[in-house]
PDB file of all heavy atoms in Angstrom:
ATOM      1  N   LYS A   1      55.315 102.605 124.817  1.00  0.00           N
ATOM      2  CA  LYS A   1      54.310 102.351 125.671  1.00  0.00           C
ATOM      3  C   LYS A   1      53.159 101.515 125.011  1.00  0.00           C
ATOM      4  O   LYS A   1      52.667 100.563 125.621  1.00  0.00           O
ATOM      5  CB  LYS A   1      53.826 103.583 126.495  1.00  0.00           C
ATOM      6  CG  LYS A   1      54.843 104.298 127.254  1.00  0.00           C
ATOM      7  CD  LYS A   1      54.297 105.480 127.951  1.00  0.00           C
ATOM      8  CE  LYS A   1      55.235 106.173 128.855  1.00  0.00           C
ATOM      9  NZ  LYS A   1      54.727 107.380 129.478  1.00  0.00           N
ATOM     10  N   THR A   2      52.840 101.985 123.892  1.00  0.00           N
ATOM     11  CA  THR A   2      51.625 101.381 123.214  1.00  0.00           C
ATOM     12  C   THR A   2      52.015 100.430 122.071  1.00  0.00           C
ATOM     13  O   THR A   2      51.102  99.577 121.698  1.00  0.00           O
ATOM     14  CB  THR A   2      50.679 102.447 122.644  1.00  0.00           C
ATOM     15  OG1 THR A   2      51.328 103.183 121.522  1.00  0.00           O
ATOM     16  CG2 THR A   2      50.345 103.443 123.763  1.00  0.00           C
ATOM     17  N   GLY A   3      53.217 100.588 121.465  1.00  0.00           N
ATOM     18  CA  GLY A   3      53.487  99.694 120.387  1.00  0.00           C
ATOM     19  C   GLY A   3      52.994 100.263 119.063  1.00  0.00           C
ATOM     20  O   GLY A   3      53.223  99.775 117.972  1.00  0.00           O
ATOM     21  N   ALA A   4      52.314 101.452 119.060  1.00  0.00           N
ATOM     22  CA  ALA A   4      51.785 102.034 117.950  1.00  0.00           C
ATOM     23  C   ALA A   4      52.859 102.786 117.202  1.00  0.00           C
ATOM     24  O   ALA A   4      53.899 103.360 117.823  1.00  0.00           O
ATOM     25  CB  ALA A   4      50.527 103.023 118.134  1.00  0.00           C
ATOM     26  N   PHE A   5      52.687 103.125 115.867  1.00  0.00           N
ATOM     27  CA  PHE A   5      53.648 103.960 115.129  1.00  0.00           C
ATOM     28  C   PHE A   5      53.394 105.413 115.374  1.00  0.00           C
ATOM     29  O   PHE A   5      52.266 105.851 115.167  1.00  0.00           O
ATOM     30  CB  PHE A   5      53.598 103.611 113.642  1.00  0.00           C
ATOM     31  CG  PHE A   5      54.033 102.291 113.297  1.00  0.00           C
ATOM     32  CD1 PHE A   5      53.383 101.558 112.238  1.00  0.00           C
ATOM     33  CD2 PHE A   5      54.942 101.552 114.039  1.00  0.00           C
ATOM     34  CE1 PHE A   5      53.789 100.334 111.749  1.00  0.00           C
ATOM     35  CE2 PHE A   5      55.318 100.317 113.714  1.00  0.00           C
ATOM     36  CZ  PHE A   5      54.637  99.552 112.697  1.00  0.00           C
ATOM     37  N   ASN A   6      54.409 106.151 115.848  1.00  0.00           N
ATOM     38  CA  ASN A   6      54.236 107.636 115.918  1.00  0.00           C
ATOM     39  C   ASN A   6      54.345 108.212 114.453  1.00  0.00           C
ATOM     40  O   ASN A   6      53.565 109.178 114.218  1.00  0.00           O
ATOM     41  CB  ASN A   6      55.314 108.122 116.817  1.00  0.00           C
ATOM     42  CG  ASN A   6      55.280 107.710 118.236  1.00  0.00           C
ATOM     43  OD1 ASN A   6      54.062 107.611 118.687  1.00  0.00           O
ATOM     44  ND2 ASN A   6      56.303 107.541 118.835  1.00  0.00           N
ATOM     45  N   TRP A   7      55.132 107.655 113.678  1.00  0.00           N
ATOM     46  CA  TRP A   7      55.271 108.129 112.252  1.00  0.00           C
ATOM     47  C   TRP A   7      56.029 107.021 111.501  1.00  0.00           C
ATOM     48  O   TRP A   7      56.661 106.171 111.980  1.00  0.00           O
ATOM     49  CB  TRP A   7      55.969 109.512 112.094  1.00  0.00           C
ATOM     50  CG  TRP A   7      57.354 109.754 112.852  1.00  0.00           C
ATOM     51  CD1 TRP A   7      57.462 110.447 113.953  1.00  0.00           C
ATOM     52  CD2 TRP A   7      58.635 109.173 112.491  1.00  0.00           C
ATOM     53  NE1 TRP A   7      58.790 110.334 114.408  1.00  0.00           N
ATOM     54  CE2 TRP A   7      59.542 109.673 113.482  1.00  0.00           C
ATOM     55  CE3 TRP A   7      59.041 108.445 111.393  1.00  0.00           C
ATOM     56  CZ2 TRP A   7      60.949 109.395 113.354  1.00  0.00           C
ATOM     57  CZ3 TRP A   7      60.485 108.115 111.344  1.00  0.00           C
ATOM     58  CH2 TRP A   7      61.388 108.691 112.275  1.00  0.00           C
ATOM     59  N   GLN A   8      55.942 107.222 110.139  1.00  0.00           N
ATOM     60  CA  GLN A   8      56.544 106.268 109.184  1.00  0.00           C
ATOM     61  C   GLN A   8      57.291 107.261 108.128  1.00  0.00           C
ATOM     62  O   GLN A   8      56.769 108.266 107.676  1.00  0.00           O
ATOM     63  CB  GLN A   8      55.602 105.522 108.418  1.00  0.00           C
ATOM     64  CG  GLN A   8      56.109 104.681 107.384  1.00  0.00           C
ATOM     65  CD  GLN A   8      55.212 103.828 106.527  1.00  0.00           C
ATOM     66  OE1 GLN A   8      54.161 103.386 107.156  1.00  0.00           O
ATOM     67  NE2 GLN A   8      55.461 103.569 105.379  1.00  0.00           N
ATOM     68  N   LEU A   9      58.559 106.993 107.888  1.00  0.00           N
ATOM     69  CA  LEU A   9      59.327 107.672 107.040  1.00  0.00           C
ATOM     70  C   LEU A   9      59.684 106.784 105.827  1.00  0.00           C
ATOM     71  O   LEU A   9      60.444 105.772 106.004  1.00  0.00           O
ATOM     72  CB  LEU A   9      60.618 108.203 107.592  1.00  0.00           C
ATOM     73  CG  LEU A   9      61.362 109.283 106.946  1.00  0.00           C
ATOM     74  CD1 LEU A   9      62.366 109.942 107.949  1.00  0.00           C
ATOM     75  CD2 LEU A   9      62.140 108.883 105.672  1.00  0.00           C
ATOM     76  N   GLY A  10      59.224 107.106 104.671  1.00  0.00           N
ATOM     77  CA  GLY A  10      59.474 106.340 103.418  1.00  0.00           C
ATOM     78  C   GLY A  10      58.331 105.310 103.289  1.00  0.00           C
ATOM     79  O   GLY A  10      57.396 105.261 104.071  1.00  0.00           O
ATOM     80  N   GLY A  11      58.450 104.394 102.250  1.00  0.00           N
ATOM     81  CA  GLY A  11      57.452 103.447 101.982  1.00  0.00           C
ATOM     82  C   GLY A  11      56.179 103.958 101.281  1.00  0.00           C
ATOM     83  O   GLY A  11      56.053 105.235 101.119  1.00  0.00           O
ATOM     84  N   PRO A  12      55.176 103.192 101.223  1.00  0.00           N
ATOM     85  CA  PRO A  12      53.969 103.576 100.404  1.00  0.00           C
ATOM     86  C   PRO A  12      52.977 104.452 101.213  1.00  0.00           C
ATOM     87  O   PRO A  12      52.239 105.053 100.646  1.00  0.00           O
ATOM     88  CB  PRO A  12      53.344 102.206 100.025  1.00  0.00           C
ATOM     89  CG  PRO A  12      53.786 101.300 101.100  1.00  0.00           C
ATOM     90  CD  PRO A  12      55.218 101.661 101.395  1.00  0.00           C
ATOM     91  N   HIS A  13      53.232 104.558 102.517  1.00  0.00           N
ATOM     92  CA  HIS A  13      52.312 105.424 103.439  1.00  0.00           C
ATOM     93  C   HIS A  13      53.101 106.342 104.285  1.00  0.00           C
ATOM     94  O   HIS A  13      52.795 106.380 105.469  1.00  0.00           O
ATOM     95  CB  HIS A  13      51.348 104.498 104.258  1.00  0.00           C
ATOM     96  CG  HIS A  13      50.593 103.512 103.322  1.00  0.00           C
ATOM     97  ND1 HIS A  13      49.668 103.870 102.510  1.00  0.00           N
ATOM     98  CD2 HIS A  13      50.626 102.170 103.216  1.00  0.00           C
ATOM     99  CE1 HIS A  13      49.020 102.838 101.906  1.00  0.00           C
ATOM    100  NE2 HIS A  13      49.730 101.728 102.367  1.00  0.00           N
ATOM    101  N   SER A  14      54.056 106.953 103.760  1.00  0.00           N
ATOM    102  CA  SER A  14      54.992 107.732 104.536  1.00  0.00           C
ATOM    103  C   SER A  14      54.328 109.042 105.243  1.00  0.00           C
ATOM    104  O   SER A  14      53.461 109.596 104.483  1.00  0.00           O
ATOM    105  CB  SER A  14      56.198 108.352 103.623  1.00  0.00           C
ATOM    106  OG  SER A  14      57.075 109.108 104.367  1.00  0.00           O
ATOM    107  N   THR A  15      54.608 109.276 106.398  1.00  0.00           N
ATOM    108  CA  THR A  15      54.114 110.375 107.166  1.00  0.00           C
ATOM    109  C   THR A  15      54.773 111.637 106.555  1.00  0.00           C
ATOM    110  O   THR A  15      54.039 112.744 106.692  1.00  0.00           O
ATOM    111  CB  THR A  15      54.431 110.250 108.679  1.00  0.00           C
ATOM    112  OG1 THR A  15      53.893 108.966 109.144  1.00  0.00           O
ATOM    113  CG2 THR A  15      53.753 111.451 109.436  1.00  0.00           C
ATOM    114  N   PHE A  16      55.922 111.478 106.142  1.00  0.00           N
ATOM    115  CA  PHE A  16      56.679 112.680 105.517  1.00  0.00           C
ATOM    116  C   PHE A  16      56.721 112.715 104.028  1.00  0.00           C
ATOM    117  O   PHE A  16      56.680 111.619 103.348  1.00  0.00           O
ATOM    118  CB  PHE A  16      58.182 112.611 105.992  1.00  0.00           C
ATOM    119  CG  PHE A  16      58.234 112.625 107.461  1.00  0.00           C
ATOM    120  CD1 PHE A  16      58.243 111.416 108.303  1.00  0.00           C
ATOM    121  CD2 PHE A  16      58.488 113.830 108.186  1.00  0.00           C
ATOM    122  CE1 PHE A  16      58.414 111.494 109.649  1.00  0.00           C
ATOM    123  CE2 PHE A  16      58.692 113.865 109.615  1.00  0.00           C
ATOM    124  CZ  PHE A  16      58.573 112.696 110.254  1.00  0.00           C
ATOM    125  N   LYS A  17      56.747 113.868 103.409  1.00  0.00           N
ATOM    126  CA  LYS A  17      56.923 113.952 102.017  1.00  0.00           C
ATOM    127  C   LYS A  17      58.444 113.868 101.726  1.00  0.00           C
ATOM    128  O   LYS A  17      59.205 114.628 102.311  1.00  0.00           O
ATOM    129  CB  LYS A  17      56.431 115.327 101.510  1.00  0.00           C
ATOM    130  CG  LYS A  17      56.667 115.446 100.070  1.00  0.00           C
ATOM    131  CD  LYS A  17      56.092 116.867  99.543  1.00  0.00           C
ATOM    132  CE  LYS A  17      56.365 117.163  98.063  1.00  0.00           C
ATOM    133  NZ  LYS A  17      55.913 118.383  97.552  1.00  0.00           N
ATOM    134  N   VAL A  18      58.819 112.927 101.067  1.00  0.00           N
ATOM    135  CA  VAL A  18      60.205 112.563 100.993  1.00  0.00           C
ATOM    136  C   VAL A  18      60.952 113.493  99.913  1.00  0.00           C
ATOM    137  O   VAL A  18      60.339 113.660  98.762  1.00  0.00           O
ATOM    138  CB  VAL A  18      60.513 111.157 100.543  1.00  0.00           C
ATOM    139  CG1 VAL A  18      60.220 110.196 101.698  1.00  0.00           C
ATOM    140  CG2 VAL A  18      59.759 110.681  99.308  1.00  0.00           C
ATOM    141  N   GLY A  19      61.934 114.086 100.296  1.00  0.00           N
ATOM    142  CA  GLY A  19      62.690 115.072  99.459  1.00  0.00           C
ATOM    143  C   GLY A  19      63.579 114.316  98.556  1.00  0.00           C
ATOM    144  O   GLY A  19      63.778 113.106  98.619  1.00  0.00           O
ATOM    145  N   ARG A  20      64.302 114.990  97.669  1.00  0.00           N
ATOM    146  CA  ARG A  20      65.108 114.405  96.517  1.00  0.00           C
ATOM    147  C   ARG A  20      66.230 113.723  97.329  1.00  0.00           C
ATOM    148  O   ARG A  20      66.905 114.284  98.115  1.00  0.00           O
ATOM    149  CB  ARG A  20      65.572 115.507  95.641  1.00  0.00           C
ATOM    150  CG  ARG A  20      66.555 115.006  94.492  1.00  0.00           C
ATOM    151  CD  ARG A  20      66.959 116.144  93.571  1.00  0.00           C
ATOM    152  NE  ARG A  20      67.815 115.623  92.536  1.00  0.00           N
ATOM    153  CZ  ARG A  20      68.229 116.389  91.586  1.00  0.00           C
ATOM    154  NH1 ARG A  20      67.976 117.634  91.583  1.00  0.00           N
ATOM    155  NH2 ARG A  20      68.970 115.858  90.502  1.00  0.00           N
ATOM    156  N   GLY A  21      66.403 112.589  96.965  1.00  0.00           N
ATOM    157  CA  GLY A  21      67.644 111.746  97.461  1.00  0.00           C
ATOM    158  C   GLY A  21      67.410 111.126  98.764  1.00  0.00           C
ATOM    159  O   GLY A  21      68.397 110.475  99.334  1.00  0.00           O
ATOM    160  N   THR A  22      66.280 111.244  99.349  1.00  0.00           N
ATOM    161  CA  THR A  22      66.004 110.670 100.706  1.00  0.00           C
ATOM    162  C   THR A  22      65.398 109.337 100.782  1.00  0.00           C
ATOM    163  O   THR A  22      65.361 108.684 101.777  1.00  0.00           O
ATOM    164  CB  THR A  22      65.167 111.684 101.466  1.00  0.00           C
ATOM    165  OG1 THR A  22      63.709 111.747 100.842  1.00  0.00           O
ATOM    166  CG2 THR A  22      65.670 113.016 101.482  1.00  0.00           C
ATOM    167  N   ARG A  23      64.811 108.903  99.528  1.00  0.00           N
ATOM    168  CA  ARG A  23      64.229 107.560  99.513  1.00  0.00           C
ATOM    169  C   ARG A  23      65.274 106.476  99.618  1.00  0.00           C
ATOM    170  O   ARG A  23      66.305 106.405  99.050  1.00  0.00           O
ATOM    171  CB  ARG A  23      63.394 107.315  98.217  1.00  0.00           C
ATOM    172  CG  ARG A  23      62.444 106.180  98.334  1.00  0.00           C
ATOM    173  CD  ARG A  23      61.614 106.097  97.038  1.00  0.00           C
ATOM    174  NE  ARG A  23      60.653 105.017  97.095  1.00  0.00           N
ATOM    175  CZ  ARG A  23      59.915 104.736  96.164  1.00  0.00           C
ATOM    176  NH1 ARG A  23      59.818 105.426  95.081  1.00  0.00           N
ATOM    177  NH2 ARG A  23      58.998 103.586  96.233  1.00  0.00           N
ATOM    178  N   THR A  24      65.008 105.326 100.435  1.00  0.00           N
ATOM    179  CA  THR A  24      65.954 104.316 100.768  1.00  0.00           C
ATOM    180  C   THR A  24      65.123 103.052 100.348  1.00  0.00           C
ATOM    181  O   THR A  24      63.963 102.881 100.401  1.00  0.00           O
ATOM    182  CB  THR A  24      66.440 104.431 102.098  1.00  0.00           C
ATOM    183  OG1 THR A  24      65.388 104.105 102.981  1.00  0.00           O
ATOM    184  CG2 THR A  24      67.181 105.529 102.430  1.00  0.00           C
ATOM    185  N   PHE A  25      65.999 101.964 100.108  1.00  0.00           N
ATOM    186  CA  PHE A  25      65.481 100.708  99.600  1.00  0.00           C
ATOM    187  C   PHE A  25      66.150  99.571 100.369  1.00  0.00           C
ATOM    188  O   PHE A  25      67.398  99.540 100.415  1.00  0.00           O
ATOM    189  CB  PHE A  25      65.619 100.499  98.173  1.00  0.00           C
ATOM    190  CG  PHE A  25      64.910 101.473  97.245  1.00  0.00           C
ATOM    191  CD1 PHE A  25      65.575 102.640  96.873  1.00  0.00           C
ATOM    192  CD2 PHE A  25      63.508 101.267  96.876  1.00  0.00           C
ATOM    193  CE1 PHE A  25      64.910 103.529  96.009  1.00  0.00           C
ATOM    194  CE2 PHE A  25      62.974 102.258  96.122  1.00  0.00           C
ATOM    195  CZ  PHE A  25      63.643 103.394  95.715  1.00  0.00           C
ATOM    196  N   PHE A  26      65.340  98.814 101.101  1.00  0.00           N
ATOM    197  CA  PHE A  26      65.901  97.644 101.801  1.00  0.00           C
ATOM    198  C   PHE A  26      67.057  98.029 102.781  1.00  0.00           C
ATOM    199  O   PHE A  26      68.022  97.265 103.025  1.00  0.00           O
ATOM    200  CB  PHE A  26      66.312  96.519 100.845  1.00  0.00           C
ATOM    201  CG  PHE A  26      65.522  96.397  99.562  1.00  0.00           C
ATOM    202  CD1 PHE A  26      65.882  96.640  98.295  1.00  0.00           C
ATOM    203  CD2 PHE A  26      64.179  95.912  99.816  1.00  0.00           C
ATOM    204  CE1 PHE A  26      65.056  96.565  97.288  1.00  0.00           C
ATOM    205  CE2 PHE A  26      63.381  95.813  98.684  1.00  0.00           C
ATOM    206  CZ  PHE A  26      63.821  96.110  97.382  1.00  0.00           C
TER     207      PHE A  26
END
């Protein structure tokens, strides 16, 4: 509805603390 981000997973400002093996690239 708004176009805003509810959350971000990964990257430099991740909403979530990434666990082992969960980081992805490109």
